[in-house]
Amino acid sequence: WARELSPEEKEKRLRSSGTVFPEEHIERTFYLACTADIIDP
C-alpha cells in the first residue's frame, strides 16, 4: 500500500500508525568571531 502513495501521504499514514520520524536539522558551521557576509554592502 505504501508503494503507490506519494511521499506526503506515506509520511502521514506512517505517522498515524505510530512510527516516529527523527526531525532533520540542516546544520551549518557558525563562527562567532566573524559574520558570514558583508552587512549592507
Full PDB file with SEQRES, HELIX, SHEET, SSBOND, CRYST1, ORIGX, SCALE, CONECT and MASTER records, all heavy atoms in Angstrom:
SEQRES   1 A   41  TRP ALA ARG GLU LEU SER PRO GLU GLU LYS GLU LYS ARG          
SEQRES   2 A   41  LEU ARG SER SER GLY THR VAL PHE PRO GLU GLU HIS ILE          
SEQRES   3 A   41  GLU ARG THR PHE TYR LEU ALA CYS THR ALA ASP ILE ILE          
SEQRES   4 A   41  ASP PRO                                                      
HELIX    1 AA1 PRO A    7  SER A   16  1                                  10    
CRYST1    1.000    1.000    1.000  90.00  90.00  90.00 P 1           1          
ORIGX1      1.000000  0.000000  0.000000        0.00000                         
ORIGX2      0.000000  1.000000  0.000000        0.00000                         
ORIGX3      0.000000  0.000000  1.000000        0.00000                         
SCALE1      1.000000  0.000000  0.000000        0.00000                         
SCALE2      0.000000  1.000000  0.000000        0.00000                         
SCALE3      0.000000  0.000000  1.000000        0.00000                         
ATOM      1  N   TRP A   1       0.812  -1.206   0.000  1.00  0.00           N  
ATOM      2  CA  TRP A   1       0.000   0.000   0.000  1.00  0.00           C  
ATOM      3  C   TRP A   1       0.846   1.257   0.000  1.00  0.00           C  
ATOM      4  O   TRP A   1       0.410   2.316  -0.444  1.00  0.00           O  
ATOM      5  CB  TRP A   1      -0.937  -0.002   1.216  1.00  0.00           C  
ATOM      6  CG  TRP A   1      -0.214  -0.074   2.534  1.00  0.00           C  
ATOM      7  CD1 TRP A   1       0.031  -1.196   3.238  1.00  0.00           C  
ATOM      8  CD2 TRP A   1       0.358   0.998   3.272  1.00  0.00           C  
ATOM      9  NE1 TRP A   1       0.725  -0.912   4.387  1.00  0.00           N  
ATOM     10  CE2 TRP A   1       0.940   0.444   4.432  1.00  0.00           C  
ATOM     11  CE3 TRP A   1       0.450   2.378   3.092  1.00  0.00           C  
ATOM     12  CZ2 TRP A   1       1.585   1.201   5.388  1.00  0.00           C  
ATOM     13  CZ3 TRP A   1       1.093   3.133   4.044  1.00  0.00           C  
ATOM     14  CH2 TRP A   1       1.653   2.553   5.179  1.00  0.00           C  
ATOM     15  N   ALA A   2       2.084   1.130   0.491  1.00  0.00           N  
ATOM     16  CA  ALA A   2       2.941   2.316   0.577  1.00  0.00           C  
ATOM     17  C   ALA A   2       3.665   2.596  -0.721  1.00  0.00           C  
ATOM     18  O   ALA A   2       4.211   3.681  -0.909  1.00  0.00           O  
ATOM     19  CB  ALA A   2       3.946   2.141   1.704  1.00  0.00           C  
ATOM     20  N   ARG A   3       3.725   1.647  -1.622  1.00  0.00           N  
ATOM     21  CA  ARG A   3       4.463   1.857  -2.875  1.00  0.00           C  
ATOM     22  C   ARG A   3       3.682   2.682  -3.879  1.00  0.00           C  
ATOM     23  O   ARG A   3       4.240   3.203  -4.827  1.00  0.00           O  
ATOM     24  CB  ARG A   3       4.820   0.507  -3.484  1.00  0.00           C  
ATOM     25  CG  ARG A   3       5.765  -0.305  -2.619  1.00  0.00           C  
ATOM     26  CD  ARG A   3       6.048  -1.652  -3.218  1.00  0.00           C  
ATOM     27  NE  ARG A   3       6.906  -2.448  -2.333  1.00  0.00           N  
ATOM     28  CZ  ARG A   3       7.245  -3.712  -2.544  1.00  0.00           C  
ATOM     29  NH1 ARG A   3       6.788  -4.343  -3.607  1.00  0.00           N  
ATOM     30  NH2 ARG A   3       8.025  -4.348  -1.691  1.00  0.00           N  
ATOM     31  N   GLU A   4       2.417   2.819  -3.680  1.00  0.00           N  
ATOM     32  CA  GLU A   4       1.588   3.535  -4.642  1.00  0.00           C  
ATOM     33  C   GLU A   4       1.235   4.938  -4.167  1.00  0.00           C  
ATOM     34  O   GLU A   4       0.606   5.686  -4.902  1.00  0.00           O  
ATOM     35  CB  GLU A   4       0.301   2.740  -4.886  1.00  0.00           C  
ATOM     36  CG  GLU A   4       0.556   1.330  -5.399  1.00  0.00           C  
ATOM     37  CD  GLU A   4      -0.729   0.528  -5.503  1.00  0.00           C  
ATOM     38  OE1 GLU A   4      -1.789   1.101  -5.133  1.00  0.00           O  
ATOM     39  OE2 GLU A   4      -0.670  -0.621  -5.946  1.00  0.00           O  
ATOM     40  N   LEU A   5       1.616   5.307  -2.956  1.00  0.00           N  
ATOM     41  CA  LEU A   5       1.254   6.613  -2.416  1.00  0.00           C  
ATOM     42  C   LEU A   5       2.364   7.627  -2.653  1.00  0.00           C  
ATOM     43  O   LEU A   5       3.518   7.270  -2.895  1.00  0.00           O  
ATOM     44  CB  LEU A   5       0.969   6.499  -0.911  1.00  0.00           C  
ATOM     45  CG  LEU A   5      -0.158   5.532  -0.500  1.00  0.00           C  
ATOM     46  CD1 LEU A   5      -0.264   5.486   1.007  1.00  0.00           C  
ATOM     47  CD2 LEU A   5      -1.480   5.960  -1.104  1.00  0.00           C  
ATOM     48  N   SER A   6       2.017   8.882  -2.563  1.00  0.00           N  
ATOM     49  CA  SER A   6       3.005   9.953  -2.675  1.00  0.00           C  
ATOM     50  C   SER A   6       3.806  10.041  -1.376  1.00  0.00           C  
ATOM     51  O   SER A   6       3.380   9.521  -0.335  1.00  0.00           O  
ATOM     52  CB  SER A   6       2.294  11.282  -2.942  1.00  0.00           C  
ATOM     53  OG  SER A   6       1.446  11.604  -1.858  1.00  0.00           O  
ATOM     54  N   PRO A   7       4.978  10.678  -1.395  1.00  0.00           N  
ATOM     55  CA  PRO A   7       5.781  10.776  -0.162  1.00  0.00           C  
ATOM     56  C   PRO A   7       5.039  11.439   0.993  1.00  0.00           C  
ATOM     57  O   PRO A   7       5.192  11.032   2.149  1.00  0.00           O  
ATOM     58  CB  PRO A   7       6.993  11.599  -0.604  1.00  0.00           C  
ATOM     59  CG  PRO A   7       7.096  11.382  -2.069  1.00  0.00           C  
ATOM     60  CD  PRO A   7       5.687  11.211  -2.549  1.00  0.00           C  
ATOM     61  N   GLU A   8       4.222  12.469   0.709  1.00  0.00           N  
ATOM     62  CA  GLU A   8       3.482  13.120   1.786  1.00  0.00           C  
ATOM     63  C   GLU A   8       2.445  12.191   2.403  1.00  0.00           C  
ATOM     64  O   GLU A   8       2.281  12.127   3.631  1.00  0.00           O  
ATOM     65  CB  GLU A   8       2.807  14.393   1.257  1.00  0.00           C  
ATOM     66  CG  GLU A   8       3.772  15.491   0.835  1.00  0.00           C  
ATOM     67  CD  GLU A   8       4.357  15.256  -0.537  1.00  0.00           C  
ATOM     68  OE1 GLU A   8       3.900  14.311  -1.225  1.00  0.00           O  
ATOM     69  OE2 GLU A   8       5.293  15.995  -0.922  1.00  0.00           O  
ATOM     70  N   GLU A   9       1.743  11.426   1.544  1.00  0.00           N  
ATOM     71  CA  GLU A   9       0.730  10.501   2.054  1.00  0.00           C  
ATOM     72  C   GLU A   9       1.373   9.349   2.822  1.00  0.00           C  
ATOM     73  O   GLU A   9       0.818   8.872   3.820  1.00  0.00           O  
ATOM     74  CB  GLU A   9      -0.107   9.967   0.897  1.00  0.00           C  
ATOM     75  CG  GLU A   9      -0.974  11.028   0.231  1.00  0.00           C  
ATOM     76  CD  GLU A   9      -1.724  10.481  -0.964  1.00  0.00           C  
ATOM     77  OE1 GLU A   9      -1.400   9.347  -1.381  1.00  0.00           O  
ATOM     78  OE2 GLU A   9      -2.613  11.174  -1.476  1.00  0.00           O  
ATOM     79  N   LYS A  10       2.537   8.897   2.348  1.00  0.00           N  
ATOM     80  CA  LYS A  10       3.244   7.835   3.072  1.00  0.00           C  
ATOM     81  C   LYS A  10       3.596   8.296   4.487  1.00  0.00           C  
ATOM     82  O   LYS A  10       3.377   7.581   5.472  1.00  0.00           O  
ATOM     83  CB  LYS A  10       4.525   7.453   2.327  1.00  0.00           C  
ATOM     84  CG  LYS A  10       4.301   6.708   1.036  1.00  0.00           C  
ATOM     85  CD  LYS A  10       5.640   6.411   0.394  1.00  0.00           C  
ATOM     86  CE  LYS A  10       5.464   5.824  -0.995  1.00  0.00           C  
ATOM     87  NZ  LYS A  10       6.763   5.584  -1.654  1.00  0.00           N  
ATOM     88  N   GLU A  11       4.155   9.509   4.578  1.00  0.00           N  
ATOM     89  CA  GLU A  11       4.556  10.020   5.888  1.00  0.00           C  
ATOM     90  C   GLU A  11       3.345  10.201   6.799  1.00  0.00           C  
ATOM     91  O   GLU A  11       3.392   9.875   7.989  1.00  0.00           O  
ATOM     92  CB  GLU A  11       5.288  11.342   5.707  1.00  0.00           C  
ATOM     93  CG  GLU A  11       5.847  11.907   6.997  1.00  0.00           C  
ATOM     94  CD  GLU A  11       6.623  13.179   6.760  1.00  0.00           C  
ATOM     95  OE1 GLU A  11       6.821  13.553   5.586  1.00  0.00           O  
ATOM     96  OE2 GLU A  11       7.021  13.808   7.759  1.00  0.00           O  
ATOM     97  N   LYS A  12       2.250  10.691   6.222  1.00  0.00           N  
ATOM     98  CA  LYS A  12       1.046  10.887   7.021  1.00  0.00           C  
ATOM     99  C   LYS A  12       0.501   9.556   7.533  1.00  0.00           C  
ATOM    100  O   LYS A  12       0.088   9.439   8.694  1.00  0.00           O  
ATOM    101  CB  LYS A  12       0.014  11.608   6.162  1.00  0.00           C  
ATOM    102  CG  LYS A  12      -1.255  11.975   6.924  1.00  0.00           C  
ATOM    103  CD  LYS A  12      -2.198  12.735   6.017  1.00  0.00           C  
ATOM    104  CE  LYS A  12      -3.492  13.087   6.776  1.00  0.00           C  
ATOM    105  NZ  LYS A  12      -4.446  13.824   5.896  1.00  0.00           N  
ATOM    106  N   ARG A  13       0.518   8.528   6.676  1.00  0.00           N  
ATOM    107  CA  ARG A  13      -0.012   7.232   7.086  1.00  0.00           C  
ATOM    108  C   ARG A  13       0.881   6.558   8.119  1.00  0.00           C  
ATOM    109  O   ARG A  13       0.399   5.936   9.078  1.00  0.00           O  
ATOM    110  CB  ARG A  13      -0.170   6.335   5.858  1.00  0.00           C  
ATOM    111  CG  ARG A  13      -0.921   5.051   6.130  1.00  0.00           C  
ATOM    112  CD  ARG A  13      -1.482   4.499   4.876  1.00  0.00           C  
ATOM    113  NE  ARG A  13      -2.245   3.289   5.125  1.00  0.00           N  
ATOM    114  CZ  ARG A  13      -2.943   2.642   4.211  1.00  0.00           C  
ATOM    115  NH1 ARG A  13      -2.993   3.120   2.965  1.00  0.00           N  
ATOM    116  NH2 ARG A  13      -3.609   1.545   4.502  1.00  0.00           N  
ATOM    117  N   LEU A  14       2.190   6.700   7.935  1.00  0.00           N  
ATOM    118  CA  LEU A  14       3.106   6.097   8.905  1.00  0.00           C  
ATOM    119  C   LEU A  14       3.049   6.814  10.247  1.00  0.00           C  
ATOM    120  O   LEU A  14       3.187   6.188  11.300  1.00  0.00           O  
ATOM    121  CB  LEU A  14       4.532   6.121   8.354  1.00  0.00           C  
ATOM    122  CG  LEU A  14       4.805   5.166   7.189  1.00  0.00           C  
ATOM    123  CD1 LEU A  14       6.185   5.412   6.606  1.00  0.00           C  
ATOM    124  CD2 LEU A  14       4.691   3.720   7.643  1.00  0.00           C  
ATOM    125  N   ARG A  15       2.860   8.134  10.219  1.00  0.00           N  
ATOM    126  CA  ARG A  15       2.726   8.859  11.484  1.00  0.00           C  
ATOM    127  C   ARG A  15       1.457   8.448  12.228  1.00  0.00           C  
ATOM    128  O   ARG A  15       1.448   8.362  13.457  1.00  0.00           O  
ATOM    129  CB  ARG A  15       2.720  10.362  11.223  1.00  0.00           C  
ATOM    130  CG  ARG A  15       4.076  10.941  10.885  1.00  0.00           C  
ATOM    131  CD  ARG A  15       4.010  12.445  10.781  1.00  0.00           C  
ATOM    132  NE  ARG A  15       5.285  13.010  10.371  1.00  0.00           N  
ATOM    133  CZ  ARG A  15       6.297  13.267  11.194  1.00  0.00           C  
ATOM    134  NH1 ARG A  15       6.164  12.995  12.483  1.00  0.00           N  
ATOM    135  NH2 ARG A  15       7.425  13.775  10.748  1.00  0.00           N  
ATOM    136  N   SER A  16       0.378   8.206  11.474  1.00  0.00           N  
ATOM    137  CA  SER A  16      -0.855   7.771  12.117  1.00  0.00           C  
ATOM    138  C   SER A  16      -0.731   6.372  12.717  1.00  0.00           C  
ATOM    139  O   SER A  16      -1.413   6.043  13.688  1.00  0.00           O  
ATOM    140  CB  SER A  16      -2.005   7.792  11.105  1.00  0.00           C  
ATOM    141  OG  SER A  16      -1.729   6.879  10.044  1.00  0.00           O  
ATOM    142  N   SER A  17       0.164   5.554  12.141  1.00  0.00           N  
ATOM    143  CA  SER A  17       0.357   4.210  12.687  1.00  0.00           C  
ATOM    144  C   SER A  17       1.281   4.194  13.899  1.00  0.00           C  
ATOM    145  O   SER A  17       1.479   3.152  14.509  1.00  0.00           O  
ATOM    146  CB  SER A  17       0.928   3.277  11.604  1.00  0.00           C  
ATOM    147  OG  SER A  17       2.205   3.716  11.208  1.00  0.00           O  
ATOM    148  N   GLY A  18       1.870   5.346  14.233  1.00  0.00           N  
ATOM    149  CA  GLY A  18       2.693   5.425  15.434  1.00  0.00           C  
ATOM    150  C   GLY A  18       4.180   5.436  15.175  1.00  0.00           C  
ATOM    151  O   GLY A  18       4.973   5.469  16.107  1.00  0.00           O  
ATOM    152  N   THR A  19       4.612   5.436  13.897  1.00  0.00           N  
ATOM    153  CA  THR A  19       6.036   5.464  13.574  1.00  0.00           C  
ATOM    154  C   THR A  19       6.563   6.888  13.737  1.00  0.00           C  
ATOM    155  O   THR A  19       6.011   7.824  13.154  1.00  0.00           O  
ATOM    156  CB  THR A  19       6.286   4.979  12.139  1.00  0.00           C  
ATOM    157  OG1 THR A  19       5.662   3.709  11.979  1.00  0.00           O  
ATOM    158  CG2 THR A  19       7.776   4.873  11.861  1.00  0.00           C  
ATOM    159  N   VAL A  20       7.591   7.061  14.513  1.00  0.00           N  
ATOM    160  CA  VAL A  20       8.155   8.383  14.808  1.00  0.00           C  
ATOM    161  C   VAL A  20       9.358   8.607  13.911  1.00  0.00           C  
ATOM    162  O   VAL A  20      10.269   7.777  13.852  1.00  0.00           O  
ATOM    163  CB  VAL A  20       8.559   8.503  16.290  1.00  0.00           C  
ATOM    164  CG1 VAL A  20       9.124   9.883  16.572  1.00  0.00           C  
ATOM    165  CG2 VAL A  20       7.358   8.215  17.182  1.00  0.00           C  
ATOM    166  N   PHE A  21       9.368   9.728  13.191  1.00  0.00           N  
ATOM    167  CA  PHE A  21      10.469  10.091  12.314  1.00  0.00           C  
ATOM    168  C   PHE A  21      11.333  11.133  13.007  1.00  0.00           C  
ATOM    169  O   PHE A  21      10.815  12.115  13.543  1.00  0.00           O  
ATOM    170  CB  PHE A  21       9.955  10.662  10.989  1.00  0.00           C  
ATOM    171  CG  PHE A  21       9.292   9.650  10.111  1.00  0.00           C  
ATOM    172  CD1 PHE A  21       7.929   9.423  10.209  1.00  0.00           C  
ATOM    173  CD2 PHE A  21      10.022   8.920   9.204  1.00  0.00           C  
ATOM    174  CE1 PHE A  21       7.311   8.504   9.407  1.00  0.00           C  
ATOM    175  CE2 PHE A  21       9.412   7.997   8.395  1.00  0.00           C  
ATOM    176  CZ  PHE A  21       8.052   7.774   8.490  1.00  0.00           C  
ATOM    177  N   PRO A  22      12.663  10.961  13.006  1.00  0.00           N  
ATOM    178  CA  PRO A  22      13.522  11.998  13.593  1.00  0.00           C  
ATOM    179  C   PRO A  22      13.514  13.263  12.749  1.00  0.00           C  
ATOM    180  O   PRO A  22      13.506  13.198  11.513  1.00  0.00           O  
ATOM    181  CB  PRO A  22      14.917  11.350  13.599  1.00  0.00           C  
ATOM    182  CG  PRO A  22      14.848  10.323  12.527  1.00  0.00           C  
ATOM    183  CD  PRO A  22      13.432   9.823  12.486  1.00  0.00           C  
ATOM    184  N   GLU A  23      13.503  14.407  13.396  1.00  0.00           N  
ATOM    185  CA  GLU A  23      13.485  15.675  12.669  1.00  0.00           C  
ATOM    186  C   GLU A  23      14.835  15.930  12.018  1.00  0.00           C  
ATOM    187  O   GLU A  23      15.885  15.730  12.620  1.00  0.00           O  
ATOM    188  CB  GLU A  23      13.133  16.816  13.622  1.00  0.00           C  
ATOM    189  CG  GLU A  23      11.744  16.701  14.222  1.00  0.00           C  
ATOM    190  CD  GLU A  23      11.420  17.890  15.096  1.00  0.00           C  
ATOM    191  OE1 GLU A  23      12.265  18.806  15.164  1.00  0.00           O  
ATOM    192  OE2 GLU A  23      10.337  17.891  15.704  1.00  0.00           O  
ATOM    193  N   GLU A  24      14.794  16.389  10.783  1.00  0.00           N  
ATOM    194  CA  GLU A  24      16.014  16.666  10.026  1.00  0.00           C  
ATOM    195  C   GLU A  24      16.413  18.122  10.262  1.00  0.00           C  
ATOM    196  O   GLU A  24      15.649  19.041   9.966  1.00  0.00           O  
ATOM    197  CB  GLU A  24      15.786  16.419   8.534  1.00  0.00           C  
ATOM    198  CG  GLU A  24      15.490  14.956   8.214  1.00  0.00           C  
ATOM    199  CD  GLU A  24      15.338  14.738   6.718  1.00  0.00           C  
ATOM    200  OE1 GLU A  24      15.490  15.732   5.981  1.00  0.00           O  
ATOM    201  OE2 GLU A  24      15.077  13.600   6.321  1.00  0.00           O  
ATOM    202  N   HIS A  25      17.600  18.304  10.786  1.00  0.00           N  
ATOM    203  CA  HIS A  25      18.139  19.641  11.041  1.00  0.00           C  
ATOM    204  C   HIS A  25      19.297  19.884  10.083  1.00  0.00           C  
ATOM    205  O   HIS A  25      20.249  19.089  10.025  1.00  0.00           O  
ATOM    206  CB  HIS A  25      18.622  19.778  12.481  1.00  0.00           C  
ATOM    207  CG  HIS A  25      17.529  19.588  13.497  1.00  0.00           C  
ATOM    208  ND1 HIS A  25      16.604  20.565  13.797  1.00  0.00           N  
ATOM    209  CD2 HIS A  25      17.208  18.523  14.274  1.00  0.00           C  
ATOM    210  CE1 HIS A  25      15.768  20.128  14.714  1.00  0.00           C  
ATOM    211  NE2 HIS A  25      16.113  18.889  15.020  1.00  0.00           N  
ATOM    212  N   ILE A  26      19.212  20.949   9.320  1.00  0.00           N  
ATOM    213  CA  ILE A  26      20.295  21.323   8.416  1.00  0.00           C  
ATOM    214  C   ILE A  26      21.307  22.129   9.228  1.00  0.00           C  
ATOM    215  O   ILE A  26      21.089  23.307   9.526  1.00  0.00           O  
ATOM    216  CB  ILE A  26      19.760  22.123   7.220  1.00  0.00           C  
ATOM    217  CG1 ILE A  26      18.720  21.295   6.461  1.00  0.00           C  
ATOM    218  CG2 ILE A  26      20.905  22.535   6.302  1.00  0.00           C  
ATOM    219  CD1 ILE A  26      18.050  22.045   5.328  1.00  0.00           C  
ATOM    220  N   GLU A  27      22.393  21.487   9.592  1.00  0.00           N  
ATOM    221  CA  GLU A  27      23.397  22.134  10.423  1.00  0.00           C  
ATOM    222  C   GLU A  27      24.422  22.859   9.556  1.00  0.00           C  
ATOM    223  O   GLU A  27      24.794  22.382   8.481  1.00  0.00           O  
ATOM    224  CB  GLU A  27      24.089  21.106  11.315  1.00  0.00           C  
ATOM    225  CG  GLU A  27      23.135  20.424  12.292  1.00  0.00           C  
ATOM    226  CD  GLU A  27      23.850  19.447  13.189  1.00  0.00           C  
ATOM    227  OE1 GLU A  27      25.062  19.256  12.975  1.00  0.00           O  
ATOM    228  OE2 GLU A  27      23.207  18.884  14.082  1.00  0.00           O  
ATOM    229  N   ARG A  28      24.886  23.961  10.044  1.00  0.00           N  
ATOM    230  CA  ARG A  28      25.857  24.773   9.317  1.00  0.00           C  
ATOM    231  C   ARG A  28      26.879  25.310  10.301  1.00  0.00           C  
ATOM    232  O   ARG A  28      26.524  25.713  11.413  1.00  0.00           O  
ATOM    233  CB  ARG A  28      25.139  25.931   8.612  1.00  0.00           C  
ATOM    234  CG  ARG A  28      26.067  26.841   7.827  1.00  0.00           C  
ATOM    235  CD  ARG A  28      25.275  27.982   7.213  1.00  0.00           C  
ATOM    236  NE  ARG A  28      26.130  28.946   6.560  1.00  0.00           N  
ATOM    237  CZ  ARG A  28      25.707  30.089   6.059  1.00  0.00           C  
ATOM    238  NH1 ARG A  28      24.446  30.413   6.136  1.00  0.00           N  
ATOM    239  NH2 ARG A  28      26.560  30.924   5.479  1.00  0.00           N  
ATOM    240  N   THR A  29      28.125  25.302   9.873  1.00  0.00           N  
ATOM    241  CA  THR A  29      29.191  25.808  10.738  1.00  0.00           C  
ATOM    242  C   THR A  29      29.021  27.312  10.941  1.00  0.00           C  
ATOM    243  O   THR A  29      28.834  28.063   9.987  1.00  0.00           O  
ATOM    244  CB  THR A  29      30.562  25.515  10.113  1.00  0.00           C  
ATOM    245  OG1 THR A  29      30.666  24.114   9.839  1.00  0.00           O  
ATOM    246  CG2 THR A  29      31.668  25.912  11.062  1.00  0.00           C  
ATOM    247  N   PHE A  30      29.076  27.721  12.189  1.00  0.00           N  
ATOM    248  CA  PHE A  30      28.863  29.137  12.516  1.00  0.00           C  
ATOM    249  C   PHE A  30      30.011  29.605  13.394  1.00  0.00           C  
ATOM    250  O   PHE A  30      30.326  28.988  14.414  1.00  0.00           O  
ATOM    251  CB  PHE A  30      27.526  29.326  13.256  1.00  0.00           C  
ATOM    252  CG  PHE A  30      27.218  30.751  13.573  1.00  0.00           C  
ATOM    253  CD1 PHE A  30      26.764  31.607  12.602  1.00  0.00           C  
ATOM    254  CD2 PHE A  30      27.394  31.243  14.858  1.00  0.00           C  
ATOM    255  CE1 PHE A  30      26.472  32.927  12.901  1.00  0.00           C  
ATOM    256  CE2 PHE A  30      27.116  32.556  15.164  1.00  0.00           C  
ATOM    257  CZ  PHE A  30      26.646  33.403  14.176  1.00  0.00           C  
ATOM    258  N   TYR A  31      30.671  30.672  12.971  1.00  0.00           N  
ATOM    259  CA  TYR A  31      31.779  31.247  13.715  1.00  0.00           C  
ATOM    260  C   TYR A  31      31.292  32.521  14.410  1.00  0.00           C  
ATOM    261  O   TYR A  31      30.757  33.432  13.762  1.00  0.00           O  
ATOM    262  CB  TYR A  31      32.943  31.577  12.787  1.00  0.00           C  
ATOM    263  CG  TYR A  31      33.590  30.379  12.150  1.00  0.00           C  
ATOM    264  CD1 TYR A  31      33.258  29.990  10.868  1.00  0.00           C  
ATOM    265  CD2 TYR A  31      34.544  29.621  12.835  1.00  0.00           C  
ATOM    266  CE1 TYR A  31      33.843  28.888  10.276  1.00  0.00           C  
ATOM    267  CE2 TYR A  31      35.132  28.518  12.255  1.00  0.00           C  
ATOM    268  CZ  TYR A  31      34.777  28.158  10.971  1.00  0.00           C  
ATOM    269  OH  TYR A  31      35.358  27.061  10.386  1.00  0.00           O  
ATOM    270  N   LEU A  32      31.482  32.566  15.705  1.00  0.00           N  
ATOM    271  CA  LEU A  32      31.106  33.776  16.434  1.00  0.00           C  
ATOM    272  C   LEU A  32      32.117  34.893  16.225  1.00  0.00           C  
ATOM    273  O   LEU A  32      31.826  36.053  16.476  1.00  0.00           O  
ATOM    274  CB  LEU A  32      30.987  33.474  17.929  1.00  0.00           C  
ATOM    275  CG  LEU A  32      29.740  32.696  18.366  1.00  0.00           C  
ATOM    276  CD1 LEU A  32      29.813  32.397  19.841  1.00  0.00           C  
ATOM    277  CD2 LEU A  32      28.475  33.493  18.048  1.00  0.00           C  
ATOM    278  N   ALA A  33      33.326  34.529  15.779  1.00  0.00           N  
ATOM    279  CA  ALA A  33      34.362  35.544  15.628  1.00  0.00           C  
ATOM    280  C   ALA A  33      34.133  36.445  14.423  1.00  0.00           C  
ATOM    281  O   ALA A  33      34.718  37.526  14.339  1.00  0.00           O  
ATOM    282  CB  ALA A  33      35.738  34.878  15.514  1.00  0.00           C  
ATOM    283  N   CYS A  34      33.288  36.016  13.471  1.00  0.00           N  
ATOM    284  CA  CYS A  34      33.041  36.834  12.291  1.00  0.00           C  
ATOM    285  C   CYS A  34      31.671  36.493  11.723  1.00  0.00           C  
ATOM    286  O   CYS A  34      31.058  35.491  12.090  1.00  0.00           O  
ATOM    287  CB  CYS A  34      34.128  36.637  11.227  1.00  0.00           C  
ATOM    288  SG  CYS A  34      34.018  35.067  10.353  1.00  0.00           S  
ATOM    289  N   THR A  35      31.199  37.331  10.818  1.00  0.00           N  
ATOM    290  CA  THR A  35      29.920  37.100  10.142  1.00  0.00           C  
ATOM    291  C   THR A  35      30.168  36.337   8.841  1.00  0.00           C  
ATOM    292  O   THR A  35      31.296  36.205   8.381  1.00  0.00           O  
ATOM    293  CB  THR A  35      29.221  38.433   9.843  1.00  0.00           C  
ATOM    294  OG1 THR A  35      30.089  39.237   9.017  1.00  0.00           O  
ATOM    295  CG2 THR A  35      28.923  39.184  11.122  1.00  0.00           C  
ATOM    296  N   ALA A  36      29.068  35.852   8.275  1.00  0.00           N  
ATOM    297  CA  ALA A  36      29.173  35.057   7.051  1.00  0.00           C  
ATOM    298  C   ALA A  36      29.070  35.902   5.790  1.00  0.00           C  
ATOM    299  O   ALA A  36      29.250  35.376   4.687  1.00  0.00           O  
ATOM    300  CB  ALA A  36      28.092  33.980   7.034  1.00  0.00           C  
ATOM    301  N   ASP A  37      28.793  37.181   5.921  1.00  0.00           N  
ATOM    302  CA  ASP A  37      28.630  38.024   4.737  1.00  0.00           C  
ATOM    303  C   ASP A  37      28.898  39.477   5.116  1.00  0.00           C  
ATOM    304  O   ASP A  37      29.149  39.795   6.287  1.00  0.00           O  
ATOM    305  CB  ASP A  37      27.219  37.875   4.168  1.00  0.00           C  
ATOM    306  CG  ASP A  37      27.176  38.167   2.677  1.00  0.00           C  
ATOM    307  OD1 ASP A  37      28.184  38.657   2.145  1.00  0.00           O  
ATOM    308  OD2 ASP A  37      26.125  37.922   2.056  1.00  0.00           O  
ATOM    309  N   ILE A  38      28.810  40.344   4.121  1.00  0.00           N  
ATOM    310  CA  ILE A  38      29.006  41.778   4.336  1.00  0.00           C  
ATOM    311  C   ILE A  38      27.661  42.406   4.677  1.00  0.00           C  
ATOM    312  O   ILE A  38      26.671  42.202   3.969  1.00  0.00           O  
ATOM    313  CB  ILE A  38      29.628  42.439   3.098  1.00  0.00           C  
ATOM    314  CG1 ILE A  38      31.006  41.829   2.819  1.00  0.00           C  
ATOM    315  CG2 ILE A  38      29.739  43.944   3.284  1.00  0.00           C  
ATOM    316  CD1 ILE A  38      31.656  42.336   1.547  1.00  0.00           C  
ATOM    317  N   ILE A  39      27.600  43.144   5.775  1.00  0.00           N  
ATOM    318  CA  ILE A  39      26.365  43.776   6.238  1.00  0.00           C  
ATOM    319  C   ILE A  39      26.092  45.019   5.383  1.00  0.00           C  
ATOM    320  O   ILE A  39      26.909  45.941   5.347  1.00  0.00           O  
ATOM    321  CB  ILE A  39      26.467  44.164   7.720  1.00  0.00           C  
ATOM    322  CG1 ILE A  39      26.850  42.943   8.566  1.00  0.00           C  
ATOM    323  CG2 ILE A  39      25.182  44.778   8.213  1.00  0.00           C  
ATOM    324  CD1 ILE A  39      27.200  43.281   9.999  1.00  0.00           C  
ATOM    325  N   ASP A  40      24.945  45.022   4.721  1.00  0.00           N  
ATOM    326  CA  ASP A  40      24.541  46.177   3.904  1.00  0.00           C  
ATOM    327  C   ASP A  40      25.722  46.671   3.065  1.00  0.00           C  
ATOM    328  O   ASP A  40      26.273  47.758   3.308  1.00  0.00           O  
ATOM    329  CB  ASP A  40      24.020  47.299   4.806  1.00  0.00           C  
ATOM    330  CG  ASP A  40      23.399  48.438   4.003  1.00  0.00           C  
ATOM    331  OD1 ASP A  40      23.134  48.242   2.804  1.00  0.00           O  
ATOM    332  OD2 ASP A  40      23.211  49.532   4.583  1.00  0.00           O  
ATOM    333  N   PRO A  41      26.146  45.889   2.076  1.00  0.00           N  
ATOM    334  CA  PRO A  41      27.373  46.242   1.340  1.00  0.00           C  
ATOM    335  C   PRO A  41      27.299  47.616   0.677  1.00  0.00           C  
ATOM    336  O   PRO A  41      26.242  48.047   0.208  1.00  0.00           O  
ATOM    337  CB  PRO A  41      27.484  45.123   0.295  1.00  0.00           C  
ATOM    338  CG  PRO A  41      26.140  44.521   0.212  1.00  0.00           C  
ATOM    339  CD  PRO A  41      25.495  44.698   1.538  1.00  0.00           C  
TER     340      PRO A  41                                                      
MASTER        0    0    0    1    0    0    0    6  339    1    0    4          
END                                                                             
